[in-house]
Amino acid sequence: MDNKTPLTPKKRGRKPINIDLDRVEYLASLNMGIMDICKSLGVGWDTFNKHRNKKNSELSERLAIGKSKGLERATAKLMDKINDGEFNAIQFYLKSADRERWAEKVETKVNINLNEIINQGKGRLIEGEKVEEGLIKERFLCQDKDNQDNDNE
């Protein structure tokens, strides 16, 4: 007998995919989209989505944490600029925080007389029918003339 160790059979199925959750959180903090995060990790969207939609998924939690961190960082920088007295930062903050009072609104007023439009449309339809009737009558006259010419020959 040989003293060789028995070979263990290969496992069947796909290898499990491990997603680096720290990297996901970092990329989400940069406000990257899901597809870009998938490409960066080298994982397909279906796989990523399957892991994200699992019950009590740590992946979806880390995505949310990353987005919150990115928003926190950007807001802190904006507040630093506001504290420095930069007009553009103050203006941006006011326009986005209190849109009712600070947003620039563009109002467009349009006056449409529907009765006039409908009457014009009806006029076109009626005129179109008259033209079509005239063409139909012309065709019948031409066909009758051709038939009479053929009969005379």
C-alpha atoms as a PDB file:
ATOM      1  CA  MET A   1       0.000   0.000   0.000  1.00  0.00           C
ATOM      2  CA  ASP A   2       1.080   3.504  -0.758  1.00  0.00           C
ATOM      3  CA  ASN A   3       1.543   5.976   2.058  1.00  0.00           C
ATOM      4  CA  LYS A   4       0.051   8.737   0.008  1.00  0.00           C
ATOM      5  CA  THR A   5      -2.517  10.973   1.624  1.00  0.00           C
ATOM      6  CA  PRO A   6      -5.922  10.690   0.039  1.00  0.00           C
ATOM      7  CA  LEU A   7      -6.911  13.608  -2.167  1.00  0.00           C
ATOM      8  CA  THR A   8      -9.877  15.609  -1.033  1.00  0.00           C
ATOM      9  CA  PRO A   9     -12.472  16.089  -3.714  1.00  0.00           C
ATOM     10  CA  LYS A  10     -12.890  19.573  -5.169  1.00  0.00           C
ATOM     11  CA  LYS A  11     -15.791  21.573  -3.887  1.00  0.00           C
ATOM     12  CA  ARG A  12     -18.564  22.096  -6.337  1.00  0.00           C
ATOM     13  CA  GLY A  13     -20.172  25.410  -7.207  1.00  0.00           C
ATOM     14  CA  ARG A  14     -18.849  28.918  -7.464  1.00  0.00           C
ATOM     15  CA  LYS A  15     -16.301  30.349  -5.128  1.00  0.00           C
ATOM     16  CA  PRO A  16     -17.804  32.723  -2.592  1.00  0.00           C
ATOM     17  CA  ILE A  17     -17.281  36.372  -3.414  1.00  0.00           C
ATOM     18  CA  ASN A  18     -15.976  38.506  -0.590  1.00  0.00           C
ATOM     19  CA  ILE A  19     -16.787  42.173  -0.900  1.00  0.00           C
ATOM     20  CA  ASP A  20     -14.455  44.578   0.890  1.00  0.00           C
ATOM     21  CA  LEU A  21     -16.914  46.488   3.060  1.00  0.00           C
ATOM     22  CA  ASP A  22     -14.392  49.149   4.092  1.00  0.00           C
ATOM     23  CA  ARG A  23     -13.742  49.924   0.439  1.00  0.00           C
ATOM     24  CA  VAL A  24     -17.490  50.052  -0.257  1.00  0.00           C
ATOM     25  CA  GLU A  25     -17.931  52.551   2.566  1.00  0.00           C
ATOM     26  CA  TYR A  26     -15.054  54.689   1.292  1.00  0.00           C
ATOM     27  CA  LEU A  27     -16.313  54.691  -2.307  1.00  0.00           C
ATOM     28  CA  ALA A  28     -19.852  55.513  -1.159  1.00  0.00           C
ATOM     29  CA  SER A  29     -18.441  58.437   0.842  1.00  0.00           C
ATOM     30  CA  LEU A  30     -17.068  59.801  -2.444  1.00  0.00           C
ATOM     31  CA  ASN A  31     -20.660  59.760  -3.742  1.00  0.00           C
ATOM     32  CA  MET A  32     -19.907  57.130  -6.357  1.00  0.00           C
ATOM     33  CA  GLY A  33     -22.835  55.313  -7.905  1.00  0.00           C
ATOM     34  CA  ILE A  34     -23.519  51.623  -7.412  1.00  0.00           C
ATOM     35  CA  MET A  35     -22.257  50.687 -10.892  1.00  0.00           C
ATOM     36  CA  ASP A  36     -18.988  52.553 -10.338  1.00  0.00           C
ATOM     37  CA  ILE A  37     -18.518  50.878  -6.965  1.00  0.00           C
ATOM     38  CA  CYS A  38     -19.118  47.471  -8.572  1.00  0.00           C
ATOM     39  CA  LYS A  39     -16.557  48.194 -11.293  1.00  0.00           C
ATOM     40  CA  SER A  40     -14.015  49.377  -8.744  1.00  0.00           C
ATOM     41  CA  LEU A  41     -14.453  46.220  -6.679  1.00  0.00           C
ATOM     42  CA  GLY A  42     -14.469  43.938  -9.725  1.00  0.00           C
ATOM     43  CA  VAL A  43     -17.878  42.556  -8.820  1.00  0.00           C
ATOM     44  CA  GLY A  44     -20.916  42.286 -11.059  1.00  0.00           C
ATOM     45  CA  TRP A  45     -23.978  44.348 -10.300  1.00  0.00           C
ATOM     46  CA  ASP A  46     -26.192  41.278  -9.848  1.00  0.00           C
ATOM     47  CA  THR A  47     -23.852  39.842  -7.236  1.00  0.00           C
ATOM     48  CA  PHE A  48     -23.500  43.178  -5.462  1.00  0.00           C
ATOM     49  CA  ASN A  49     -27.265  43.716  -5.483  1.00  0.00           C
ATOM     50  CA  LYS A  50     -27.909  40.192  -4.191  1.00  0.00           C
ATOM     51  CA  HIS A  51     -25.626  40.847  -1.202  1.00  0.00           C
ATOM     52  CA  ARG A  52     -27.091  44.324  -0.677  1.00  0.00           C
ATOM     53  CA  ASN A  53     -30.700  43.089  -0.592  1.00  0.00           C
ATOM     54  CA  LYS A  54     -30.133  40.317   1.939  1.00  0.00           C
ATOM     55  CA  LYS A  55     -31.942  40.684   5.232  1.00  0.00           C
ATOM     56  CA  ASN A  56     -29.796  42.563   7.780  1.00  0.00           C
ATOM     57  CA  SER A  57     -27.177  43.140   5.099  1.00  0.00           C
ATOM     58  CA  GLU A  58     -24.018  44.768   6.352  1.00  0.00           C
ATOM     59  CA  LEU A  59     -23.276  45.854   2.782  1.00  0.00           C
ATOM     60  CA  SER A  60     -26.349  48.099   2.538  1.00  0.00           C
ATOM     61  CA  GLU A  61     -25.570  49.469   5.996  1.00  0.00           C
ATOM     62  CA  ARG A  62     -22.013  50.319   4.969  1.00  0.00           C
ATOM     63  CA  LEU A  63     -23.291  51.994   1.797  1.00  0.00           C
ATOM     64  CA  ALA A  64     -25.556  54.223   3.878  1.00  0.00           C
ATOM     65  CA  ILE A  65     -22.763  54.997   6.354  1.00  0.00           C
ATOM     66  CA  GLY A  66     -20.403  55.909   3.513  1.00  0.00           C
ATOM     67  CA  LYS A  67     -22.921  58.252   1.906  1.00  0.00           C
ATOM     68  CA  SER A  68     -23.538  59.903   5.277  1.00  0.00           C
ATOM     69  CA  LYS A  69     -19.803  60.383   5.853  1.00  0.00           C
ATOM     70  CA  GLY A  70     -19.381  61.992   2.440  1.00  0.00           C
ATOM     71  CA  LEU A  71     -22.287  64.335   3.062  1.00  0.00           C
ATOM     72  CA  GLU A  72     -20.910  65.204   6.495  1.00  0.00           C
ATOM     73  CA  ARG A  73     -17.475  65.994   5.041  1.00  0.00           C
ATOM     74  CA  ALA A  74     -18.920  68.186   2.276  1.00  0.00           C
ATOM     75  CA  THR A  75     -21.217  70.010   4.685  1.00  0.00           C
ATOM     76  CA  ALA A  76     -18.321  70.672   7.061  1.00  0.00           C
ATOM     77  CA  LYS A  77     -16.263  72.168   4.206  1.00  0.00           C
ATOM     78  CA  LEU A  78     -19.212  74.304   3.144  1.00  0.00           C
ATOM     79  CA  MET A  79     -19.648  75.564   6.711  1.00  0.00           C
ATOM     80  CA  ASP A  80     -15.923  76.413   6.859  1.00  0.00           C
ATOM     81  CA  LYS A  81     -16.340  78.516   3.709  1.00  0.00           C
ATOM     82  CA  ILE A  82     -19.439  80.188   5.165  1.00  0.00           C
ATOM     83  CA  ASN A  83     -17.535  80.972   8.370  1.00  0.00           C
ATOM     84  CA  ASP A  84     -14.788  82.530   6.245  1.00  0.00           C
ATOM     85  CA  GLY A  85     -17.460  84.815   4.757  1.00  0.00           C
ATOM     86  CA  GLU A  86     -17.381  83.524   1.184  1.00  0.00           C
ATOM     87  CA  PHE A  87     -20.422  84.925  -0.566  1.00  0.00           C
ATOM     88  CA  ASN A  88     -20.871  82.031  -3.036  1.00  0.00           C
ATOM     89  CA  ALA A  89     -20.923  79.480  -0.217  1.00  0.00           C
ATOM     90  CA  ILE A  90     -23.458  81.533   1.736  1.00  0.00           C
ATOM     91  CA  GLN A  91     -25.615  81.959  -1.360  1.00  0.00           C
ATOM     92  CA  PHE A  92     -25.481  78.242  -2.198  1.00  0.00           C
ATOM     93  CA  TYR A  93     -26.402  77.289   1.349  1.00  0.00           C
ATOM     94  CA  LEU A  94     -29.367  79.649   1.490  1.00  0.00           C
ATOM     95  CA  LYS A  95     -30.681  78.599  -1.938  1.00  0.00           C
ATOM     96  CA  SER A  96     -30.554  74.914  -1.049  1.00  0.00           C
ATOM     97  CA  ALA A  97     -31.603  75.134   2.611  1.00  0.00           C
ATOM     98  CA  ASP A  98     -34.555  77.536   2.220  1.00  0.00           C
ATOM     99  CA  ARG A  99     -35.780  77.271  -1.349  1.00  0.00           C
ATOM    100  CA  GLU A 100     -39.070  79.031  -0.676  1.00  0.00           C
ATOM    101  CA  ARG A 101     -37.387  82.333   0.121  1.00  0.00           C
ATOM    102  CA  TRP A 102     -33.967  82.220  -1.553  1.00  0.00           C
ATOM    103  CA  ALA A 103     -34.244  80.154  -4.722  1.00  0.00           C
ATOM    104  CA  GLU A 104     -34.330  82.001  -8.017  1.00  0.00           C
ATOM    105  CA  LYS A 105     -37.680  81.270  -9.580  1.00  0.00           C
ATOM    106  CA  VAL A 106     -38.518  81.486 -13.233  1.00  0.00           C
ATOM    107  CA  GLU A 107     -42.194  81.898 -13.959  1.00  0.00           C
ATOM    108  CA  THR A 108     -43.616  81.411 -17.424  1.00  0.00           C
ATOM    109  CA  LYS A 109     -47.178  82.387 -18.158  1.00  0.00           C
ATOM    110  CA  VAL A 110     -48.862  80.829 -21.158  1.00  0.00           C
ATOM    111  CA  ASN A 111     -52.295  81.839 -22.471  1.00  0.00           C
ATOM    112  CA  ILE A 112     -53.931  79.192 -24.620  1.00  0.00           C
ATOM    113  CA  ASN A 113     -57.333  79.591 -26.236  1.00  0.00           C
ATOM    114  CA  LEU A 114     -58.472  75.994 -26.641  1.00  0.00           C
ATOM    115  CA  ASN A 115     -61.686  76.914 -28.468  1.00  0.00           C
ATOM    116  CA  GLU A 116     -59.691  78.629 -31.197  1.00  0.00           C
ATOM    117  CA  ILE A 117     -57.319  75.669 -31.537  1.00  0.00           C
ATOM    118  CA  ILE A 118     -60.185  73.175 -31.709  1.00  0.00           C
ATOM    119  CA  ASN A 119     -62.039  75.251 -34.328  1.00  0.00           C
ATOM    120  CA  GLN A 120     -58.882  75.512 -36.454  1.00  0.00           C
ATOM    121  CA  GLY A 121     -58.445  71.757 -36.214  1.00  0.00           C
ATOM    122  CA  LYS A 122     -62.041  71.124 -37.234  1.00  0.00           C
ATOM    123  CA  GLY A 123     -61.616  73.485 -40.188  1.00  0.00           C
ATOM    124  CA  ARG A 124     -58.565  71.559 -41.375  1.00  0.00           C
ATOM    125  CA  LEU A 125     -60.369  68.236 -41.101  1.00  0.00           C
ATOM    126  CA  ILE A 126     -63.350  69.439 -43.093  1.00  0.00           C
ATOM    127  CA  GLU A 127     -61.123  71.022 -45.767  1.00  0.00           C
ATOM    128  CA  GLY A 128     -59.110  67.799 -45.944  1.00  0.00           C
ATOM    129  CA  GLU A 129     -62.259  65.757 -46.512  1.00  0.00           C
ATOM    130  CA  LYS A 130     -63.356  68.047 -49.353  1.00  0.00           C
ATOM    131  CA  VAL A 131     -59.988  67.666 -51.041  1.00  0.00           C
ATOM    132  CA  GLU A 132     -60.120  63.910 -50.667  1.00  0.00           C
ATOM    133  CA  GLU A 133     -63.686  63.805 -52.067  1.00  0.00           C
ATOM    134  CA  GLY A 134     -62.546  65.879 -55.055  1.00  0.00           C
ATOM    135  CA  LEU A 135     -59.661  63.510 -55.688  1.00  0.00           C
ATOM    136  CA  ILE A 136     -61.953  60.526 -55.456  1.00  0.00           C
ATOM    137  CA  LYS A 137     -64.390  62.097 -57.960  1.00  0.00           C
ATOM    138  CA  GLU A 138     -61.482  62.865 -60.331  1.00  0.00           C
ATOM    139  CA  ARG A 139     -60.293  59.270 -60.163  1.00  0.00           C
ATOM    140  CA  PHE A 140     -63.762  57.927 -60.952  1.00  0.00           C
ATOM    141  CA  LEU A 141     -64.103  60.330 -63.898  1.00  0.00           C
ATOM    142  CA  CYS A 142     -60.708  59.280 -65.236  1.00  0.00           C
ATOM    143  CA  GLN A 143     -61.566  55.606 -64.879  1.00  0.00           C
ATOM    144  CA  ASP A 144     -64.919  56.127 -66.618  1.00  0.00           C
ATOM    145  CA  LYS A 145     -63.197  57.972 -69.466  1.00  0.00           C
ATOM    146  CA  ASP A 146     -60.618  55.168 -69.807  1.00  0.00           C
ATOM    147  CA  ASN A 147     -63.386  52.572 -69.848  1.00  0.00           C
ATOM    148  CA  GLN A 148     -65.302  54.512 -72.529  1.00  0.00           C
ATOM    149  CA  ASP A 149     -62.159  54.837 -74.648  1.00  0.00           C
ATOM    150  CA  ASN A 150     -61.555  51.086 -74.361  1.00  0.00           C
ATOM    151  CA  ASP A 151     -65.149  50.352 -75.356  1.00  0.00           C
ATOM    152  CA  ASN A 152     -64.921  52.580 -78.447  1.00  0.00           C
ATOM    153  CA  GLU A 153     -61.831  50.814 -79.706  1.00  0.00           C
END
